[in-house]
Each structure stands twice: as structure tokens, then as C-alpha cells.
Amino acid sequence: MYVEIDGATYRATGNELPFLVFAPAQEPRPDGFAAEPDGGWTRLVDKSEFQRAYVVRTTARWRDWTVRVNRVEDGIAHWRYYGDGLPADDSRVSRVGLFEWLGRTPVEELDDVVETVDEMAL
């Protein structure tokens, strides 16, 4: 989930208000944000403090499987796959449940990327 506050976009988490909003450590501290022990900045925000909230869902094809991309950091896609048949001998892929897998691969290995944006009601 993402929220827009005063023209800036931040990653946010939460199922109900207030949302916990994150700003990257490499940026100067935004107004109202507090330092996190492991780096970065956080802030709790209520509905009156942001202008937009939305969820971005990204899917892509890795080899023969459609995966759900959770995030991309430094050119590496962190993704999740539900199903069976992924190559267990690839160290970049790990099985975390009976039919759930996590993977980390370069974005160049992903094809057919589809991104959808779902606006959240304010």
C-alpha cells in the first residue's frame, strides 16, 4: 500500500487507521517522521493526513510460472508463487509452505509484467 502526503509518496502498512508510513533512510527526515532503530523513518497517519491511498499489485512471468512481485530493491525482484513445480535446486527460490514459494531474481529475468493500481476509498 502507498499513501500520498503533501505531494510525496510513501510505502504504508496497516489494515485499519492509523497507517504506519515509511520513508527511506537515505532521504532527509520528512516532517513528522521519527527515526527507526534499523534506519529509515516512520510515522502514523490518520485519514485526514493523506490525500490518496492505493495498492499496487504486480505479476510477472519467471521462466514458466506466474509470480506475484512483492517489491524490487536494487534491481532484484522479491516475489511469491503459489503452486508447485518450481526448481528446488535454485538457491534463489525457497519453499516456505506446502504450496508457497519465495524467490529473489534479477528483474531482467521477469517477462510479461502487469501492474494494477487499486485506489482505496478515503
Protein backbone atom coordinates (compact mmCIF):
# COMPACT_ATOMS: atom_id res chain seq x y z
CA MET A 1 0.00 0.00 0.00
CA TYR A 2 1.10 3.56 -0.68
CA VAL A 3 -0.13 6.92 0.58
CA GLU A 4 0.45 10.41 -0.73
CA ILE A 5 1.16 13.12 1.83
CA ASP A 6 1.72 16.68 0.64
CA GLY A 7 2.77 15.53 -2.84
CA ALA A 8 5.20 12.80 -1.66
CA THR A 9 4.50 9.07 -1.97
CA TYR A 10 5.35 6.68 0.88
CA ARG A 11 5.01 2.95 1.45
CA ALA A 12 2.48 2.19 4.19
CA THR A 13 1.14 -0.79 6.12
CA GLY A 14 -1.96 -1.45 8.16
CA ASN A 15 -5.43 -2.91 7.89
CA GLU A 16 -7.06 -0.05 9.74
CA LEU A 17 -6.22 3.54 10.56
CA PRO A 18 -3.84 4.92 11.51
CA PHE A 19 -1.47 3.54 8.87
CA LEU A 20 2.25 3.13 9.55
CA VAL A 21 4.12 5.06 6.85
CA PHE A 22 7.78 4.52 5.87
CA ALA A 23 10.32 6.90 4.34
CA PRO A 24 13.73 5.68 3.10
CA ALA A 25 16.80 6.13 5.32
CA GLN A 26 18.82 7.76 2.53
CA GLU A 27 16.38 10.68 2.38
CA PRO A 28 16.32 13.57 4.87
CA ARG A 29 13.78 13.13 7.68
CA PRO A 30 10.35 14.26 6.45
CA ASP A 31 8.29 16.45 8.79
CA GLY A 32 6.53 14.45 11.47
CA PHE A 33 8.59 11.28 10.92
CA ALA A 34 10.65 9.58 13.64
CA ALA A 35 13.90 7.64 13.23
CA GLU A 36 13.72 3.85 13.25
CA PRO A 37 16.45 1.86 15.07
CA ASP A 38 17.34 -0.07 11.89
CA GLY A 39 17.34 3.03 9.69
CA GLY A 40 14.64 4.89 7.87
CA TRP A 41 11.78 7.00 9.10
CA THR A 42 8.24 6.13 10.20
CA ARG A 43 5.07 7.95 11.07
CA LEU A 44 1.50 7.01 11.97
CA VAL A 45 -1.02 8.80 9.77
CA ASP A 46 -4.76 9.15 10.00
CA LYS A 47 -7.12 9.59 7.06
CA SER A 48 -7.11 13.37 7.35
CA GLU A 49 -3.31 13.46 6.82
CA PHE A 50 -3.05 11.89 3.36
CA GLN A 51 -4.61 12.79 0.04
CA ARG A 52 -4.52 9.38 -1.64
CA ALA A 53 -4.13 5.72 -0.66
CA TYR A 54 -3.70 2.88 -3.14
CA VAL A 55 -2.46 -0.67 -3.55
CA VAL A 56 -0.21 -1.76 -6.41
CA ARG A 57 -0.35 -5.41 -7.46
CA THR A 58 2.34 -6.68 -9.82
CA THR A 59 2.51 -10.05 -11.53
CA ALA A 60 5.15 -11.31 -13.91
CA ARG A 61 6.34 -14.50 -15.56
CA TRP A 62 9.54 -16.06 -14.25
CA ARG A 63 10.52 -18.89 -16.56
CA ASP A 64 7.20 -20.77 -16.93
CA TRP A 65 5.49 -19.57 -13.75
CA THR A 66 3.37 -16.51 -12.99
CA VAL A 67 4.65 -14.92 -9.79
CA ARG A 68 3.41 -12.05 -7.62
CA VAL A 69 6.10 -9.40 -7.21
CA ASN A 70 6.17 -8.00 -3.68
CA ARG A 71 8.90 -5.41 -4.20
CA VAL A 72 12.01 -4.54 -6.21
CA GLU A 73 15.21 -3.42 -4.50
CA ASP A 74 18.46 -2.66 -6.28
CA GLY A 75 17.35 -4.47 -9.41
CA ILE A 76 16.28 -7.63 -7.54
CA ALA A 77 12.63 -8.69 -7.65
CA HIS A 78 11.31 -10.28 -4.46
CA TRP A 79 8.36 -12.42 -5.42
CA ARG A 80 5.92 -15.05 -4.19
CA TYR A 81 4.47 -18.03 -6.02
CA TYR A 82 1.56 -20.25 -5.01
CA GLY A 83 1.59 -23.69 -6.58
CA ASP A 84 4.05 -26.46 -7.25
CA GLY A 85 6.86 -27.30 -9.59
CA LEU A 86 9.40 -24.54 -9.05
CA PRO A 87 13.05 -25.63 -9.28
CA ALA A 88 14.02 -26.57 -5.72
CA ASP A 89 17.69 -26.72 -6.74
CA ASP A 90 17.78 -22.94 -7.48
CA SER A 91 19.23 -21.23 -4.38
CA ARG A 92 17.27 -18.06 -5.17
CA VAL A 93 13.99 -19.88 -4.61
CA SER A 94 12.77 -21.34 -1.32
CA ARG A 95 9.66 -23.24 -0.38
CA VAL A 96 8.02 -21.67 2.68
CA GLY A 97 4.79 -23.67 2.75
CA LEU A 98 3.20 -26.68 1.15
CA PHE A 99 2.32 -24.66 -1.97
CA GLU A 100 4.05 -21.34 -1.26
CA TRP A 101 7.43 -20.21 -2.57
CA LEU A 102 9.56 -17.09 -2.23
CA GLY A 103 12.10 -16.02 -4.81
CA ARG A 104 14.68 -13.32 -5.46
CA THR A 105 15.76 -12.86 -9.03
CA PRO A 106 17.09 -10.03 -11.21
CA VAL A 107 14.24 -8.05 -12.77
CA GLU A 108 15.73 -8.87 -16.19
CA GLU A 109 14.58 -12.47 -15.69
CA LEU A 110 10.92 -11.41 -15.46
CA ASP A 111 8.66 -11.19 -18.51
CA ASP A 112 5.06 -10.12 -19.11
CA VAL A 113 5.00 -7.72 -16.16
CA VAL A 114 1.48 -6.50 -15.35
CA GLU A 115 0.86 -3.79 -12.77
CA THR A 116 -2.60 -2.84 -11.50
CA VAL A 117 -3.40 0.05 -9.20
CA ASP A 118 -6.43 -0.14 -6.90
CA GLU A 119 -7.48 3.12 -5.28
CA MET A 120 -8.63 2.91 -1.68
CA ALA A 121 -11.70 4.85 -0.60
CA LEU A 122 -10.84 7.75 1.68
